[in-house]
Amino acid sequence: VSLSTNSVMGYVLVMYKGVPLGFVKNIGNRANNLYPHEWRIRSQHLPEEIRIL
C-alpha cells in the first residue's frame, strides 16, 4: 500500500475496489495500522529457499 505525497495527514480510510478495509494513521513517510495487537497477523512462514533478485 502506498499513499500519495499529497495525502491528508492523520487518520485515513484505506479502501480496495470501493470496499473499506480500515483506518491507518498517515504520518508522512509511512502509515501506522490501527488494528489492536491481538488482531494483527504475524506470519510464521519461512521459505525453503531464499531468493535474492
PDB file of N, CA and C in Angstrom:
ATOM      1  N   VAL A   1       0.852  -1.181   0.000  1.00  0.00           N
ATOM      2  CA  VAL A   1       0.000   0.000   0.000  1.00  0.00           C
ATOM      3  C   VAL A   1       0.884   1.225   0.000  1.00  0.00           C
ATOM      4  N   SER A   2       0.575   2.150  -0.842  1.00  0.00           N
ATOM      5  CA  SER A   2       1.330   3.398  -0.848  1.00  0.00           C
ATOM      6  C   SER A   2       0.362   4.570  -0.838  1.00  0.00           C
ATOM      7  N   LEU A   3       0.727   5.592  -0.088  1.00  0.00           N
ATOM      8  CA  LEU A   3      -0.069   6.810  -0.022  1.00  0.00           C
ATOM      9  C   LEU A   3       0.591   7.855  -0.897  1.00  0.00           C
ATOM     10  N   SER A   4      -0.214   8.640  -1.584  1.00  0.00           N
ATOM     11  CA  SER A   4       0.364   9.684  -2.427  1.00  0.00           C
ATOM     12  C   SER A   4       0.963  10.780  -1.554  1.00  0.00           C
ATOM     13  N   THR A   5       1.853  11.550  -2.117  1.00  0.00           N
ATOM     14  CA  THR A   5       2.541  12.591  -1.351  1.00  0.00           C
ATOM     15  C   THR A   5       1.603  13.705  -0.920  1.00  0.00           C
ATOM     16  N   ASN A   6       0.452  13.838  -1.567  1.00  0.00           N
ATOM     17  CA  ASN A   6      -0.493  14.877  -1.172  1.00  0.00           C
ATOM     18  C   ASN A   6      -1.637  14.332  -0.313  1.00  0.00           C
ATOM     19  N   SER A   7      -1.477  13.129   0.249  1.00  0.00           N
ATOM     20  CA  SER A   7      -2.492  12.553   1.131  1.00  0.00           C
ATOM     21  C   SER A   7      -2.611  13.367   2.406  1.00  0.00           C
ATOM     22  N   VAL A   8      -3.810  13.355   2.965  1.00  0.00           N
ATOM     23  CA  VAL A   8      -4.082  14.070   4.204  1.00  0.00           C
ATOM     24  C   VAL A   8      -3.306  13.428   5.344  1.00  0.00           C
ATOM     25  N   MET A   9      -2.706  14.237   6.185  1.00  0.00           N
ATOM     26  CA  MET A   9      -2.021  13.719   7.375  1.00  0.00           C
ATOM     27  C   MET A   9      -3.080  13.354   8.414  1.00  0.00           C
ATOM     28  N   GLY A  10      -2.789  12.377   9.242  1.00  0.00           N
ATOM     29  CA  GLY A  10      -3.735  11.957  10.277  1.00  0.00           C
ATOM     30  C   GLY A  10      -4.426  10.669   9.871  1.00  0.00           C
ATOM     31  N   TYR A  11      -5.680  10.527  10.282  1.00  0.00           N
ATOM     32  CA  TYR A  11      -6.415   9.293  10.050  1.00  0.00           C
ATOM     33  C   TYR A  11      -6.974   9.246   8.633  1.00  0.00           C
ATOM     34  N   VAL A  12      -6.737   8.105   7.955  1.00  0.00           N
ATOM     35  CA  VAL A  12      -7.137   7.920   6.560  1.00  0.00           C
ATOM     36  C   VAL A  12      -7.834   6.569   6.442  1.00  0.00           C
ATOM     37  N   LEU A  13      -8.960   6.537   5.723  1.00  0.00           N
ATOM     38  CA  LEU A  13      -9.654   5.281   5.462  1.00  0.00           C
ATOM     39  C   LEU A  13      -9.026   4.619   4.246  1.00  0.00           C
ATOM     40  N   VAL A  14      -8.585   3.375   4.402  1.00  0.00           N
ATOM     41  CA  VAL A  14      -7.989   2.613   3.304  1.00  0.00           C
ATOM     42  C   VAL A  14      -9.086   1.765   2.678  1.00  0.00           C
ATOM     43  N   MET A  15      -9.193   1.860   1.336  1.00  0.00           N
ATOM     44  CA  MET A  15     -10.226   1.118   0.621  1.00  0.00           C
ATOM     45  C   MET A  15      -9.594   0.319  -0.512  1.00  0.00           C
ATOM     46  N   TYR A  16     -10.219  -0.800  -0.866  1.00  0.00           N
ATOM     47  CA  TYR A  16      -9.796  -1.611  -2.005  1.00  0.00           C
ATOM     48  C   TYR A  16     -11.021  -1.886  -2.858  1.00  0.00           C
ATOM     49  N   LYS A  17     -10.997  -1.421  -4.100  1.00  0.00           N
ATOM     50  CA  LYS A  17     -12.123  -1.577  -5.028  1.00  0.00           C
ATOM     51  C   LYS A  17     -13.429  -1.104  -4.400  1.00  0.00           C
ATOM     52  N   GLY A  18     -13.374   0.013  -3.684  1.00  0.00           N
ATOM     53  CA  GLY A  18     -14.564   0.607  -3.085  1.00  0.00           C
ATOM     54  C   GLY A  18     -14.994  -0.013  -1.769  1.00  0.00           C
ATOM     55  N   VAL A  19     -14.262  -1.011  -1.285  1.00  0.00           N
ATOM     56  CA  VAL A  19     -14.600  -1.675  -0.024  1.00  0.00           C
ATOM     57  C   VAL A  19     -13.673  -1.149   1.067  1.00  0.00           C
ATOM     58  N   PRO A  20     -14.239  -0.572   2.144  1.00  0.00           N
ATOM     59  CA  PRO A  20     -13.376  -0.064   3.218  1.00  0.00           C
ATOM     60  C   PRO A  20     -12.696  -1.202   3.973  1.00  0.00           C
ATOM     61  N   LEU A  21     -11.369  -1.078   4.149  1.00  0.00           N
ATOM     62  CA  LEU A  21     -10.593  -2.097   4.858  1.00  0.00           C
ATOM     63  C   LEU A  21     -10.313  -1.705   6.296  1.00  0.00           C
ATOM     64  N   GLY A  22     -10.179  -0.420   6.550  1.00  0.00           N
ATOM     65  CA  GLY A  22      -9.883   0.037   7.903  1.00  0.00           C
ATOM     66  C   GLY A  22      -9.145   1.363   7.859  1.00  0.00           C
ATOM     67  N   PHE A  23      -8.855   1.882   9.029  1.00  0.00           N
ATOM     68  CA  PHE A  23      -8.177   3.163   9.142  1.00  0.00           C
ATOM     69  C   PHE A  23      -6.696   2.975   9.433  1.00  0.00           C
ATOM     70  N   VAL A  24      -5.900   3.900   8.921  1.00  0.00           N
ATOM     71  CA  VAL A  24      -4.483   3.990   9.245  1.00  0.00           C
ATOM     72  C   VAL A  24      -4.209   5.433   9.630  1.00  0.00           C
ATOM     73  N   LYS A  25      -3.120   5.640  10.336  1.00  0.00           N
ATOM     74  CA  LYS A  25      -2.705   6.995  10.676  1.00  0.00           C
ATOM     75  C   LYS A  25      -1.533   7.355   9.781  1.00  0.00           C
ATOM     76  N   ASN A  26      -1.756   8.292   8.870  1.00  0.00           N
ATOM     77  CA  ASN A  26      -0.723   8.739   7.940  1.00  0.00           C
ATOM     78  C   ASN A  26       0.189   9.709   8.678  1.00  0.00           C
ATOM     79  N   ILE A  27       1.475   9.360   8.777  1.00  0.00           N
ATOM     80  CA  ILE A  27       2.429  10.233   9.468  1.00  0.00           C
ATOM     81  C   ILE A  27       3.482  10.774   8.507  1.00  0.00           C
ATOM     82  N   GLY A  28       3.147  10.751   7.220  1.00  0.00           N
ATOM     83  CA  GLY A  28       4.056  11.332   6.228  1.00  0.00           C
ATOM     84  C   GLY A  28       4.776  10.299   5.408  1.00  0.00           C
ATOM     85  N   ASN A  29       5.848   9.733   5.949  1.00  0.00           N
ATOM     86  CA  ASN A  29       6.634   8.767   5.180  1.00  0.00           C
ATOM     87  C   ASN A  29       6.122   7.337   5.318  1.00  0.00           C
ATOM     88  N   ARG A  30       5.156   7.106   6.196  1.00  0.00           N
ATOM     89  CA  ARG A  30       4.554   5.777   6.348  1.00  0.00           C
ATOM     90  C   ARG A  30       3.210   5.916   7.042  1.00  0.00           C
ATOM     91  N   ALA A  31       2.486   4.811   7.151  1.00  0.00           N
ATOM     92  CA  ALA A  31       1.186   4.809   7.816  1.00  0.00           C
ATOM     93  C   ALA A  31       1.180   3.722   8.880  1.00  0.00           C
ATOM     94  N   ASN A  32       0.607   4.033  10.028  1.00  0.00           N
ATOM     95  CA  ASN A  32       0.504   3.060  11.115  1.00  0.00           C
ATOM     96  C   ASN A  32      -0.862   2.394  11.083  1.00  0.00           C
ATOM     97  N   ASN A  33      -0.883   1.064  11.190  1.00  0.00           N
ATOM     98  CA  ASN A  33      -2.099   0.282  11.259  1.00  0.00           C
ATOM     99  C   ASN A  33      -2.756   0.519  12.614  1.00  0.00           C
ATOM    100  N   LEU A  34      -4.082   0.686  12.634  1.00  0.00           N
ATOM    101  CA  LEU A  34      -4.773   0.959  13.892  1.00  0.00           C
ATOM    102  C   LEU A  34      -5.486  -0.258  14.469  1.00  0.00           C
ATOM    103  N   TYR A  35      -5.255  -1.444  13.893  1.00  0.00           N
ATOM    104  CA  TYR A  35      -5.855  -2.646  14.467  1.00  0.00           C
ATOM    105  C   TYR A  35      -5.245  -2.935  15.833  1.00  0.00           C
ATOM    106  N   PRO A  36      -6.033  -3.497  16.769  1.00  0.00           N
ATOM    107  CA  PRO A  36      -5.451  -3.926  18.049  1.00  0.00           C
ATOM    108  C   PRO A  36      -4.377  -4.990  17.806  1.00  0.00           C
ATOM    109  N   HIS A  37      -3.401  -5.065  18.676  1.00  0.00           N
ATOM    110  CA  HIS A  37      -2.303  -6.030  18.514  1.00  0.00           C
ATOM    111  C   HIS A  37      -2.820  -7.457  18.383  1.00  0.00           C
ATOM    112  N   GLU A  38      -3.910  -7.796  19.076  1.00  0.00           N
ATOM    113  CA  GLU A  38      -4.445  -9.160  19.039  1.00  0.00           C
ATOM    114  C   GLU A  38      -5.001  -9.509  17.660  1.00  0.00           C
ATOM    115  N   TRP A  39      -5.393  -8.533  16.863  1.00  0.00           N
ATOM    116  CA  TRP A  39      -5.994  -8.772  15.554  1.00  0.00           C
ATOM    117  C   TRP A  39      -4.956  -8.841  14.447  1.00  0.00           C
ATOM    118  N   ARG A  40      -3.743  -8.432  14.699  1.00  0.00           N
ATOM    119  CA  ARG A  40      -2.725  -8.379  13.656  1.00  0.00           C
ATOM    120  C   ARG A  40      -2.213  -9.780  13.336  1.00  0.00           C
ATOM    121  N   ILE A  41      -1.942 -10.005  12.086  1.00  0.00           N
ATOM    122  CA  ILE A  41      -1.459 -11.311  11.634  1.00  0.00           C
ATOM    123  C   ILE A  41       0.055 -11.248  11.514  1.00  0.00           C
ATOM    124  N   ARG A  42       0.726 -12.143  12.198  1.00  0.00           N
ATOM    125  CA  ARG A  42       2.184 -12.242  12.112  1.00  0.00           C
ATOM    126  C   ARG A  42       2.504 -13.552  11.424  1.00  0.00           C
ATOM    127  N   SER A  43       3.102 -13.471  10.271  1.00  0.00           N
ATOM    128  CA  SER A  43       3.405 -14.669   9.503  1.00  0.00           C
ATOM    129  C   SER A  43       4.564 -15.427  10.134  1.00  0.00           C
ATOM    130  N   GLN A  44       4.406 -16.714  10.295  1.00  0.00           N
ATOM    131  CA  GLN A  44       5.458 -17.587  10.797  1.00  0.00           C
ATOM    132  C   GLN A  44       6.084 -18.373   9.649  1.00  0.00           C
ATOM    133  N   HIS A  45       5.660 -18.070   8.424  1.00  0.00           N
ATOM    134  CA  HIS A  45       6.137 -18.799   7.250  1.00  0.00           C
ATOM    135  C   HIS A  45       7.587 -18.443   6.942  1.00  0.00           C
ATOM    136  N   LEU A  46       8.405 -19.459   6.777  1.00  0.00           N
ATOM    137  CA  LEU A  46       9.791 -19.279   6.350  1.00  0.00           C
ATOM    138  C   LEU A  46       9.977 -20.062   5.057  1.00  0.00           C
ATOM    139  N   PRO A  47      10.387 -19.408   3.980  1.00  0.00           N
ATOM    140  CA  PRO A  47      10.556 -20.128   2.715  1.00  0.00           C
ATOM    141  C   PRO A  47      11.701 -21.124   2.799  1.00  0.00           C
ATOM    142  N   GLU A  48      11.575 -22.211   2.022  1.00  0.00           N
ATOM    143  CA  GLU A  48      12.641 -23.212   1.992  1.00  0.00           C
ATOM    144  C   GLU A  48      13.889 -22.660   1.335  1.00  0.00           C
ATOM    145  N   GLU A  49      13.692 -21.805   0.342  1.00  0.00           N
ATOM    146  CA  GLU A  49      14.816 -21.232  -0.391  1.00  0.00           C
ATOM    147  C   GLU A  49      14.653 -19.717  -0.429  1.00  0.00           C
ATOM    148  N   ILE A  50      15.690 -19.013  -0.067  1.00  0.00           N
ATOM    149  CA  ILE A  50      15.648 -17.555  -0.102  1.00  0.00           C
ATOM    150  C   ILE A  50      16.239 -17.095  -1.423  1.00  0.00           C
ATOM    151  N   ARG A  51      15.453 -16.324  -2.169  1.00  0.00           N
ATOM    152  CA  ARG A  51      15.899 -15.825  -3.472  1.00  0.00           C
ATOM    153  C   ARG A  51      16.180 -14.335  -3.372  1.00  0.00           C
ATOM    154  N   ILE A  52      17.308 -13.940  -3.871  1.00  0.00           N
ATOM    155  CA  ILE A  52      17.659 -12.525  -3.924  1.00  0.00           C
ATOM    156  C   ILE A  52      17.576 -12.092  -5.371  1.00  0.00           C
ATOM    157  N   LEU A  53      16.740 -11.114  -5.619  1.00  0.00           N
ATOM    158  CA  LEU A  53      16.552 -10.644  -7.001  1.00  0.00           C
ATOM    159  C   LEU A  53      17.380  -9.426  -7.264  1.00  0.00           C
TER     160      LEU A  53
END
